[in-house]
Each structure stands twice: as structure tokens, then as C-alpha cells.
Amino acid sequence: MTEDALGGVRLAIDWGQARIGVAACDAGGVLAFPVETIAPASDARVVRERLAAIIAEYAPVVLYLGLPRHLRGAEGESAAKARGQARWLAGAYPDVAVHLVDERMTTVSATRQLQEAGRSARAQRGVIDQAAAVAILNHALDTERLTGARAGERIDRKG
């Protein structure tokens, strides 16, 4: 399937310093759902192997990776890391489109939703990154529906 056709499974990744949250949606882009929180590993190979397994299982047409910007839109060190991860993903999975999408306020929104659902701060730790990934994916799906195009900035192997 080409990227121009808006169907297909999409994955969203909230690549934080402590954990990596992953979310997916159905091929129609109707329902975004949490997939997994990848625990931090001292060995990047372990993280990459787990991501590879998830990508193989879901066979997405697009990977949406959260781009952490400051509230005023500027990019800092975390955004530079996200851009590096996006370039790696684009190189490792050349048949999957990789897009960076603004993730400002997704963790705040996810925290609020989990609190409203009755989850304590301690209970949130294991799922907050998944919930943030769902928020990133929902934002991307909303953008697709409104614009008729993929959300965010397309990243290729060169960056």
C-alpha cells in the first residue's frame, strides 16, 4: 500500500527517556489502542529487537513518532534525539513511512485521562507511555481525517 492511500495499520511511538510507549490502530484508522510499554534497557539492541517484533506483528504502513517540542514550539535536546530515532527507524524499515508528529501535551493529556479513570499515580507508571502513544496516534488520525494526508513531517533515511 502506498503512503498516499490513507488506509493501513499505523503505529505510534512515544519514545521517552525512561520508557517507550507503543500504540496501534486498525487498518481503517478508526480505533487507536495501547500495545505495550517497552521497559528501559541498558542495551539498545534489546529495545530495537522488541520494536522489530512489534513492527513485524502489526505490519504498519506508517510509524508516527512523537516529537517533543517545548510549549512555544522550539526544539531542544529531546527533539534532536527523536529525530535521530526517526532516521534510524526510516533506515531500518524502508518500506514503512516514518513521520514525526508534535507531541506537546500528550503526556499531560494521558495523565489526566488516567486520573479521571481512577488510576493512581503509582498505577499510571506502567501505562502512561502507552496512553501518550495513543494520544499521539489519535492526533495523527484526526489530522489524516481533516487534511486527507499523513500527519507530521516525513523522515527519510537521510533525515
N, C-alpha and C. Protein backbone atom coordinates (compact mmCIF):
# COMPACT_ATOMS: atom_id res chain seq x y z
N MET A 1 0.85 -1.18 0.00
CA MET A 1 0.00 0.00 0.00
C MET A 1 0.90 1.24 0.00
N THR A 2 0.54 2.20 -0.78
CA THR A 2 1.34 3.42 -0.82
C THR A 2 0.94 4.32 0.33
N GLU A 3 1.82 5.25 0.64
CA GLU A 3 1.53 6.18 1.72
C GLU A 3 0.37 7.11 1.33
N ASP A 4 0.19 7.34 0.03
CA ASP A 4 -0.87 8.24 -0.41
C ASP A 4 -2.26 7.71 -0.06
N ALA A 5 -2.40 6.39 -0.03
CA ALA A 5 -3.66 5.80 0.41
C ALA A 5 -3.65 5.83 1.93
N LEU A 6 -4.69 6.40 2.54
CA LEU A 6 -4.65 6.62 3.98
C LEU A 6 -5.04 5.41 4.81
N GLY A 7 -5.28 4.28 4.21
CA GLY A 7 -5.61 3.10 4.99
C GLY A 7 -4.37 2.45 5.57
N GLY A 8 -4.58 1.38 6.26
CA GLY A 8 -3.48 0.60 6.80
C GLY A 8 -3.25 0.84 8.27
N VAL A 9 -2.65 -0.14 8.89
CA VAL A 9 -2.33 -0.06 10.31
C VAL A 9 -1.26 1.01 10.50
N ARG A 10 -1.42 1.80 11.54
CA ARG A 10 -0.41 2.78 11.92
C ARG A 10 0.03 2.48 13.34
N LEU A 11 1.31 2.67 13.61
CA LEU A 11 1.83 2.58 14.97
C LEU A 11 2.28 3.96 15.41
N ALA A 12 2.11 4.25 16.68
CA ALA A 12 2.65 5.47 17.27
C ALA A 12 3.61 5.07 18.37
N ILE A 13 4.70 5.83 18.46
CA ILE A 13 5.73 5.55 19.44
C ILE A 13 5.99 6.80 20.26
N ASP A 14 5.86 6.68 21.56
CA ASP A 14 6.23 7.73 22.50
C ASP A 14 7.55 7.30 23.11
N TRP A 15 8.67 7.77 22.53
CA TRP A 15 10.00 7.32 22.91
C TRP A 15 10.55 8.24 23.98
N GLY A 16 10.25 7.90 25.23
CA GLY A 16 10.70 8.72 26.34
C GLY A 16 12.07 8.30 26.83
N GLN A 17 12.60 9.05 27.77
CA GLN A 17 13.90 8.73 28.33
C GLN A 17 13.83 7.49 29.21
N ALA A 18 12.70 7.30 29.88
CA ALA A 18 12.57 6.17 30.80
C ALA A 18 11.94 4.95 30.15
N ARG A 19 10.93 5.15 29.32
CA ARG A 19 10.19 4.03 28.71
C ARG A 19 9.73 4.43 27.32
N ILE A 20 9.34 3.42 26.56
CA ILE A 20 8.83 3.65 25.21
C ILE A 20 7.41 3.10 25.15
N GLY A 21 6.46 3.98 24.88
CA GLY A 21 5.07 3.56 24.74
C GLY A 21 4.75 3.33 23.27
N VAL A 22 3.97 2.28 23.01
CA VAL A 22 3.59 1.95 21.64
C VAL A 22 2.08 1.79 21.57
N ALA A 23 1.48 2.36 20.54
CA ALA A 23 0.05 2.22 20.29
C ALA A 23 -0.14 1.86 18.82
N ALA A 24 -1.29 1.29 18.51
CA ALA A 24 -1.62 0.90 17.14
C ALA A 24 -3.06 1.28 16.85
N CYS A 25 -3.41 1.21 15.57
CA CYS A 25 -4.81 1.38 15.19
C CYS A 25 -5.16 0.32 14.17
N ASP A 26 -6.43 0.14 13.98
CA ASP A 26 -6.92 -0.79 12.96
C ASP A 26 -6.63 -0.22 11.58
N ALA A 27 -6.76 -1.05 10.56
CA ALA A 27 -6.42 -0.64 9.20
C ALA A 27 -7.29 0.51 8.71
N GLY A 28 -8.48 0.65 9.25
CA GLY A 28 -9.36 1.75 8.85
C GLY A 28 -9.06 3.05 9.58
N GLY A 29 -8.19 3.01 10.56
CA GLY A 29 -7.84 4.21 11.31
C GLY A 29 -8.95 4.70 12.22
N VAL A 30 -9.80 3.77 12.66
CA VAL A 30 -10.93 4.16 13.50
C VAL A 30 -10.58 4.12 14.98
N LEU A 31 -9.89 3.08 15.39
CA LEU A 31 -9.65 2.86 16.81
C LEU A 31 -8.17 2.76 17.12
N ALA A 32 -7.67 3.66 17.96
CA ALA A 32 -6.29 3.59 18.45
C ALA A 32 -6.31 2.89 19.80
N PHE A 33 -5.35 2.02 20.02
CA PHE A 33 -5.31 1.26 21.27
C PHE A 33 -3.86 1.06 21.72
N PRO A 34 -3.66 0.93 23.05
CA PRO A 34 -2.31 0.71 23.55
C PRO A 34 -1.81 -0.68 23.19
N VAL A 35 -0.51 -0.77 22.93
CA VAL A 35 0.10 -2.06 22.59
C VAL A 35 1.01 -2.53 23.71
N GLU A 36 1.97 -1.69 24.07
CA GLU A 36 2.99 -2.15 25.01
C GLU A 36 3.81 -0.96 25.51
N THR A 37 4.36 -1.13 26.70
CA THR A 37 5.39 -0.24 27.19
C THR A 37 6.68 -1.05 27.20
N ILE A 38 7.66 -0.54 26.48
CA ILE A 38 8.96 -1.21 26.44
C ILE A 38 9.80 -0.61 27.56
N ALA A 39 10.20 -1.46 28.48
CA ALA A 39 10.98 -1.01 29.62
C ALA A 39 12.37 -0.58 29.16
N PRO A 40 12.96 0.33 29.89
CA PRO A 40 14.30 0.77 29.50
C PRO A 40 15.28 -0.40 29.59
N ALA A 41 16.22 -0.39 28.71
CA ALA A 41 17.25 -1.42 28.72
C ALA A 41 18.60 -0.75 28.54
N SER A 42 19.57 -1.25 29.25
CA SER A 42 20.90 -0.67 29.10
C SER A 42 21.47 -0.99 27.72
N ASP A 43 20.93 -2.02 27.10
CA ASP A 43 21.38 -2.44 25.78
C ASP A 43 20.35 -2.01 24.73
N ALA A 44 20.73 -1.08 23.88
CA ALA A 44 19.82 -0.58 22.85
C ALA A 44 19.36 -1.70 21.93
N ARG A 45 20.16 -2.74 21.80
CA ARG A 45 19.80 -3.88 20.95
C ARG A 45 18.50 -4.53 21.43
N VAL A 46 18.33 -4.62 22.74
CA VAL A 46 17.12 -5.23 23.31
C VAL A 46 15.89 -4.41 22.92
N VAL A 47 16.00 -3.10 23.02
CA VAL A 47 14.89 -2.21 22.65
C VAL A 47 14.58 -2.37 21.17
N ARG A 48 15.60 -2.35 20.34
CA ARG A 48 15.40 -2.47 18.90
C ARG A 48 14.80 -3.81 18.51
N GLU A 49 15.20 -4.87 19.20
CA GLU A 49 14.62 -6.19 18.92
C GLU A 49 13.14 -6.21 19.27
N ARG A 50 12.77 -5.60 20.38
CA ARG A 50 11.35 -5.57 20.79
C ARG A 50 10.54 -4.74 19.80
N LEU A 51 11.08 -3.59 19.40
CA LEU A 51 10.39 -2.78 18.39
C LEU A 51 10.25 -3.56 17.08
N ALA A 52 11.29 -4.27 16.69
CA ALA A 52 11.24 -5.07 15.46
C ALA A 52 10.13 -6.11 15.54
N ALA A 53 9.98 -6.75 16.69
CA ALA A 53 8.93 -7.76 16.85
C ALA A 53 7.54 -7.13 16.74
N ILE A 54 7.37 -5.96 17.35
CA ILE A 54 6.07 -5.27 17.28
C ILE A 54 5.78 -4.85 15.85
N ILE A 55 6.76 -4.30 15.17
CA ILE A 55 6.57 -3.87 13.78
C ILE A 55 6.26 -5.07 12.89
N ALA A 56 6.93 -6.18 13.12
CA ALA A 56 6.64 -7.40 12.34
C ALA A 56 5.23 -7.90 12.61
N GLU A 57 4.80 -7.85 13.86
CA GLU A 57 3.46 -8.33 14.21
C GLU A 57 2.35 -7.48 13.61
N TYR A 58 2.49 -6.17 13.68
CA TYR A 58 1.42 -5.28 13.24
C TYR A 58 1.52 -4.86 11.77
N ALA A 59 2.69 -5.00 11.17
CA ALA A 59 2.93 -4.65 9.76
C ALA A 59 2.32 -3.28 9.41
N PRO A 60 2.77 -2.23 10.08
CA PRO A 60 2.20 -0.91 9.83
C PRO A 60 2.65 -0.33 8.50
N VAL A 61 1.83 0.58 7.98
CA VAL A 61 2.23 1.33 6.79
C VAL A 61 2.89 2.64 7.20
N VAL A 62 2.63 3.08 8.43
CA VAL A 62 3.21 4.33 8.94
C VAL A 62 3.61 4.14 10.40
N LEU A 63 4.76 4.71 10.75
CA LEU A 63 5.18 4.84 12.14
C LEU A 63 5.12 6.32 12.47
N TYR A 64 4.29 6.68 13.44
CA TYR A 64 4.24 8.05 13.92
C TYR A 64 5.07 8.11 15.20
N LEU A 65 6.09 8.92 15.19
CA LEU A 65 6.97 9.06 16.34
C LEU A 65 6.75 10.45 16.93
N GLY A 66 6.51 10.50 18.24
CA GLY A 66 6.29 11.78 18.89
C GLY A 66 7.53 12.65 18.86
N LEU A 67 7.33 13.93 18.54
CA LEU A 67 8.41 14.92 18.52
C LEU A 67 8.20 15.85 19.71
N PRO A 68 9.04 15.72 20.74
CA PRO A 68 8.85 16.54 21.94
C PRO A 68 9.39 17.95 21.76
N ARG A 69 8.48 18.87 21.59
CA ARG A 69 8.85 20.28 21.46
C ARG A 69 8.52 20.99 22.76
N HIS A 70 9.18 22.13 22.96
CA HIS A 70 8.84 22.98 24.10
C HIS A 70 7.46 23.60 23.84
N LEU A 71 6.83 24.11 24.87
CA LEU A 71 5.48 24.65 24.71
C LEU A 71 5.39 25.72 23.64
N ARG A 72 6.44 26.50 23.46
CA ARG A 72 6.43 27.56 22.44
C ARG A 72 6.82 27.04 21.06
N GLY A 73 7.08 25.73 20.95
CA GLY A 73 7.37 25.14 19.65
C GLY A 73 8.83 24.91 19.34
N ALA A 74 9.71 25.44 20.15
CA ALA A 74 11.15 25.25 19.90
C ALA A 74 11.53 23.80 20.16
N GLU A 75 12.60 23.38 19.50
CA GLU A 75 13.10 22.02 19.68
C GLU A 75 14.38 22.05 20.49
N GLY A 76 14.48 21.12 21.43
CA GLY A 76 15.66 21.01 22.27
C GLY A 76 16.35 19.67 22.08
N GLU A 77 17.05 19.26 23.12
CA GLU A 77 17.82 18.01 23.08
C GLU A 77 16.93 16.79 22.86
N SER A 78 15.78 16.75 23.51
CA SER A 78 14.87 15.61 23.34
C SER A 78 14.37 15.49 21.91
N ALA A 79 14.09 16.62 21.28
CA ALA A 79 13.63 16.61 19.89
C ALA A 79 14.75 16.12 18.97
N ALA A 80 15.98 16.52 19.26
CA ALA A 80 17.12 16.05 18.46
C ALA A 80 17.25 14.54 18.57
N LYS A 81 17.05 14.00 19.77
CA LYS A 81 17.09 12.54 19.95
C LYS A 81 15.98 11.88 19.16
N ALA A 82 14.77 12.46 19.20
CA ALA A 82 13.64 11.89 18.45
C ALA A 82 13.93 11.89 16.96
N ARG A 83 14.54 12.95 16.46
CA ARG A 83 14.90 13.00 15.04
C ARG A 83 15.90 11.90 14.69
N GLY A 84 16.84 11.64 15.59
CA GLY A 84 17.80 10.56 15.37
C GLY A 84 17.12 9.20 15.37
N GLN A 85 16.19 9.00 16.28
CA GLN A 85 15.44 7.74 16.33
C GLN A 85 14.58 7.57 15.08
N ALA A 86 14.00 8.68 14.61
CA ALA A 86 13.19 8.62 13.39
C ALA A 86 14.04 8.25 12.18
N ARG A 87 15.25 8.82 12.09
CA ARG A 87 16.15 8.45 10.99
C ARG A 87 16.53 6.97 11.06
N TRP A 88 16.79 6.50 12.28
CA TRP A 88 17.11 5.08 12.44
C TRP A 88 15.94 4.21 11.98
N LEU A 89 14.72 4.55 12.42
CA LEU A 89 13.54 3.79 12.03
C LEU A 89 13.35 3.79 10.51
N ALA A 90 13.55 4.96 9.89
CA ALA A 90 13.40 5.07 8.44
C ALA A 90 14.42 4.20 7.72
N GLY A 91 15.62 4.13 8.25
CA GLY A 91 16.65 3.29 7.64
C GLY A 91 16.42 1.82 7.88
N ALA A 92 15.97 1.48 9.08
CA ALA A 92 15.75 0.08 9.44
C ALA A 92 14.51 -0.50 8.78
N TYR A 93 13.52 0.34 8.49
CA TYR A 93 12.24 -0.11 7.92
C TYR A 93 11.91 0.73 6.69
N PRO A 94 12.64 0.55 5.60
CA PRO A 94 12.46 1.41 4.43
C PRO A 94 11.09 1.29 3.76
N ASP A 95 10.37 0.21 4.03
CA ASP A 95 9.04 0.04 3.43
C ASP A 95 7.92 0.65 4.29
N VAL A 96 8.29 1.24 5.41
CA VAL A 96 7.32 1.85 6.32
C VAL A 96 7.61 3.35 6.38
N ALA A 97 6.60 4.17 6.13
CA ALA A 97 6.77 5.62 6.24
C ALA A 97 6.96 5.99 7.70
N VAL A 98 7.87 6.90 7.96
CA VAL A 98 8.12 7.38 9.31
C VAL A 98 7.82 8.88 9.33
N HIS A 99 6.96 9.27 10.27
CA HIS A 99 6.58 10.67 10.41
C HIS A 99 6.76 11.12 11.86
N LEU A 100 7.32 12.29 12.03
CA LEU A 100 7.40 12.93 13.35
C LEU A 100 6.16 13.79 13.53
N VAL A 101 5.50 13.63 14.68
CA VAL A 101 4.33 14.46 14.97
C VAL A 101 4.52 15.14 16.33
N ASP A 102 4.07 16.36 16.41
CA ASP A 102 4.18 17.16 17.62
C ASP A 102 3.48 16.43 18.76
N GLU A 103 4.20 16.22 19.84
CA GLU A 103 3.60 15.51 20.97
C GLU A 103 3.38 16.40 22.19
N ARG A 104 3.46 17.72 21.99
CA ARG A 104 3.24 18.61 23.13
C ARG A 104 1.92 18.28 23.81
N MET A 105 1.97 18.19 25.09
CA MET A 105 0.80 17.98 25.96
C MET A 105 0.23 16.57 25.93
N THR A 106 0.80 15.63 25.18
CA THR A 106 0.21 14.29 25.14
C THR A 106 0.35 13.58 26.48
N THR A 107 1.49 13.72 27.15
CA THR A 107 1.64 13.06 28.44
C THR A 107 0.73 13.70 29.47
N VAL A 108 0.58 15.01 29.42
CA VAL A 108 -0.33 15.70 30.33
C VAL A 108 -1.75 15.23 30.09
N SER A 109 -2.15 15.15 28.84
CA SER A 109 -3.49 14.68 28.49
C SER A 109 -3.70 13.24 28.92
N ALA A 110 -2.72 12.39 28.69
CA ALA A 110 -2.83 10.98 29.07
C ALA A 110 -2.93 10.84 30.58
N THR A 111 -2.14 11.61 31.32
CA THR A 111 -2.19 11.57 32.78
C THR A 111 -3.57 11.96 33.28
N ARG A 112 -4.11 13.02 32.71
CA ARG A 112 -5.44 13.49 33.12
C ARG A 112 -6.50 12.41 32.85
N GLN A 113 -6.43 11.78 31.68
CA GLN A 113 -7.40 10.74 31.35
C GLN A 113 -7.30 9.54 32.29
N LEU A 114 -6.07 9.16 32.63
CA LEU A 114 -5.89 8.03 33.54
C LEU A 114 -6.39 8.37 34.94
N GLN A 115 -6.17 9.61 35.38
CA GLN A 115 -6.67 10.04 36.69
C GLN A 115 -8.19 10.02 36.70
N GLU A 116 -8.80 10.50 35.61
CA GLU A 116 -10.25 10.51 35.51
C GLU A 116 -10.82 9.10 35.50
N ALA A 117 -10.01 8.14 35.02
CA ALA A 117 -10.44 6.74 35.00
C ALA A 117 -10.19 6.06 36.35
N GLY A 118 -9.63 6.83 37.31
CA GLY A 118 -9.44 6.29 38.65
C GLY A 118 -8.10 5.64 38.90
N ARG A 119 -7.14 5.82 38.02
CA ARG A 119 -5.80 5.23 38.22
C ARG A 119 -4.96 6.16 39.09
N SER A 120 -4.34 5.58 40.10
CA SER A 120 -3.45 6.35 40.95
C SER A 120 -2.16 6.65 40.20
N ALA A 121 -1.38 7.58 40.74
CA ALA A 121 -0.09 7.92 40.11
C ALA A 121 0.79 6.68 40.01
N ARG A 122 0.80 5.87 41.03
CA ARG A 122 1.62 4.64 41.02
C ARG A 122 1.13 3.67 39.94
N ALA A 123 -0.18 3.53 39.79
CA ALA A 123 -0.73 2.62 38.79
C ALA A 123 -0.52 3.13 37.36
N GLN A 124 -0.32 4.44 37.23
CA GLN A 124 -0.14 5.03 35.91
C GLN A 124 1.22 4.74 35.31
N ARG A 125 2.23 4.55 36.15
CA ARG A 125 3.61 4.44 35.67
C ARG A 125 3.78 3.44 34.54
N GLY A 126 3.15 2.30 34.66
CA GLY A 126 3.32 1.25 33.66
C GLY A 126 2.59 1.49 32.36
N VAL A 127 1.61 2.39 32.37
CA VAL A 127 0.79 2.57 31.17
C VAL A 127 0.78 3.99 30.62
N ILE A 128 1.39 4.94 31.34
CA ILE A 128 1.33 6.33 30.90
C ILE A 128 1.95 6.51 29.51
N ASP A 129 3.03 5.79 29.24
CA ASP A 129 3.68 5.92 27.94
C ASP A 129 2.82 5.34 26.83
N GLN A 130 2.11 4.26 27.12
CA GLN A 130 1.16 3.71 26.15
C GLN A 130 0.03 4.70 25.89
N ALA A 131 -0.48 5.29 26.96
CA ALA A 131 -1.56 6.27 26.82
C ALA A 131 -1.09 7.49 26.02
N ALA A 132 0.15 7.91 26.24
CA ALA A 132 0.70 9.03 25.46
C ALA A 132 0.82 8.63 23.99
N ALA A 133 1.22 7.39 23.72
CA ALA A 133 1.31 6.92 22.33
C ALA A 133 -0.08 6.89 21.69
N VAL A 134 -1.09 6.50 22.44
CA VAL A 134 -2.47 6.53 21.93
C VAL A 134 -2.86 7.97 21.59
N ALA A 135 -2.50 8.92 22.46
CA ALA A 135 -2.82 10.33 22.21
C ALA A 135 -2.11 10.83 20.95
N ILE A 136 -0.84 10.44 20.76
CA ILE A 136 -0.11 10.81 19.54
C ILE A 136 -0.82 10.24 18.32
N LEU A 137 -1.21 8.98 18.40
CA LEU A 137 -1.87 8.33 17.26
C LEU A 137 -3.24 8.94 16.99
N ASN A 138 -4.00 9.22 18.03
CA ASN A 138 -5.31 9.86 17.81
C ASN A 138 -5.15 11.22 17.14
N HIS A 139 -4.14 11.98 17.57
CA HIS A 139 -3.88 13.27 16.94
C HIS A 139 -3.55 13.08 15.45
N ALA A 140 -2.70 12.10 15.14
CA ALA A 140 -2.33 11.83 13.75
C ALA A 140 -3.54 11.39 12.93
N LEU A 141 -4.38 10.54 13.50
CA LEU A 141 -5.58 10.07 12.78
C LEU A 141 -6.55 11.22 12.54
N ASP A 142 -6.71 12.09 13.53
CA ASP A 142 -7.57 13.26 13.36
C ASP A 142 -7.04 14.15 12.23
N THR A 143 -5.74 14.34 12.20
CA THR A 143 -5.13 15.14 11.14
C THR A 143 -5.36 14.50 9.78
N GLU A 144 -5.19 13.19 9.69
CA GLU A 144 -5.45 12.49 8.43
C GLU A 144 -6.88 12.72 7.96
N ARG A 145 -7.83 12.59 8.89
CA ARG A 145 -9.24 12.78 8.51
C ARG A 145 -9.52 14.21 8.06
N LEU A 146 -8.91 15.18 8.74
CA LEU A 146 -9.17 16.59 8.42
C LEU A 146 -8.47 17.05 7.14
N THR A 147 -7.27 16.54 6.89
CA THR A 147 -6.48 17.06 5.77
C THR A 147 -6.42 16.11 4.57
N GLY A 148 -6.72 14.84 4.78
CA GLY A 148 -6.59 13.87 3.71
C GLY A 148 -5.15 13.48 3.43
N ALA A 149 -4.26 13.81 4.36
CA ALA A 149 -2.83 13.49 4.20
C ALA A 149 -2.28 12.97 5.52
N ARG A 150 -1.14 12.31 5.46
CA ARG A 150 -0.49 11.84 6.67
C ARG A 150 -0.09 13.04 7.53
N ALA A 151 -0.10 12.81 8.82
CA ALA A 151 0.25 13.87 9.77
C ALA A 151 1.76 14.02 9.89
N GLY A 152 2.17 15.20 10.28
CA GLY A 152 3.55 15.42 10.66
C GLY A 152 4.53 15.53 9.52
N GLU A 153 5.79 15.40 9.89
CA GLU A 153 6.92 15.58 8.99
C GLU A 153 7.49 14.22 8.60
N ARG A 154 7.48 13.94 7.31
CA ARG A 154 8.03 12.67 6.82
C ARG A 154 9.55 12.69 6.97
N ILE A 155 10.07 11.60 7.47
CA ILE A 155 11.52 11.46 7.66
C ILE A 155 12.01 10.34 6.75
N ASP A 156 13.08 10.62 6.03
CA ASP A 156 13.69 9.54 5.26
C ASP A 156 15.01 9.17 5.92
N ARG A 157 15.71 8.25 5.36
CA ARG A 157 16.95 7.75 5.96
C ARG A 157 17.96 8.85 6.21
N LYS A 158 17.96 9.85 5.37
CA LYS A 158 18.95 10.92 5.49
C LYS A 158 18.52 11.98 6.50
N GLY A 159 17.23 12.01 6.84
CA GLY A 159 16.78 12.96 7.83
C GLY A 159 16.01 14.09 7.26
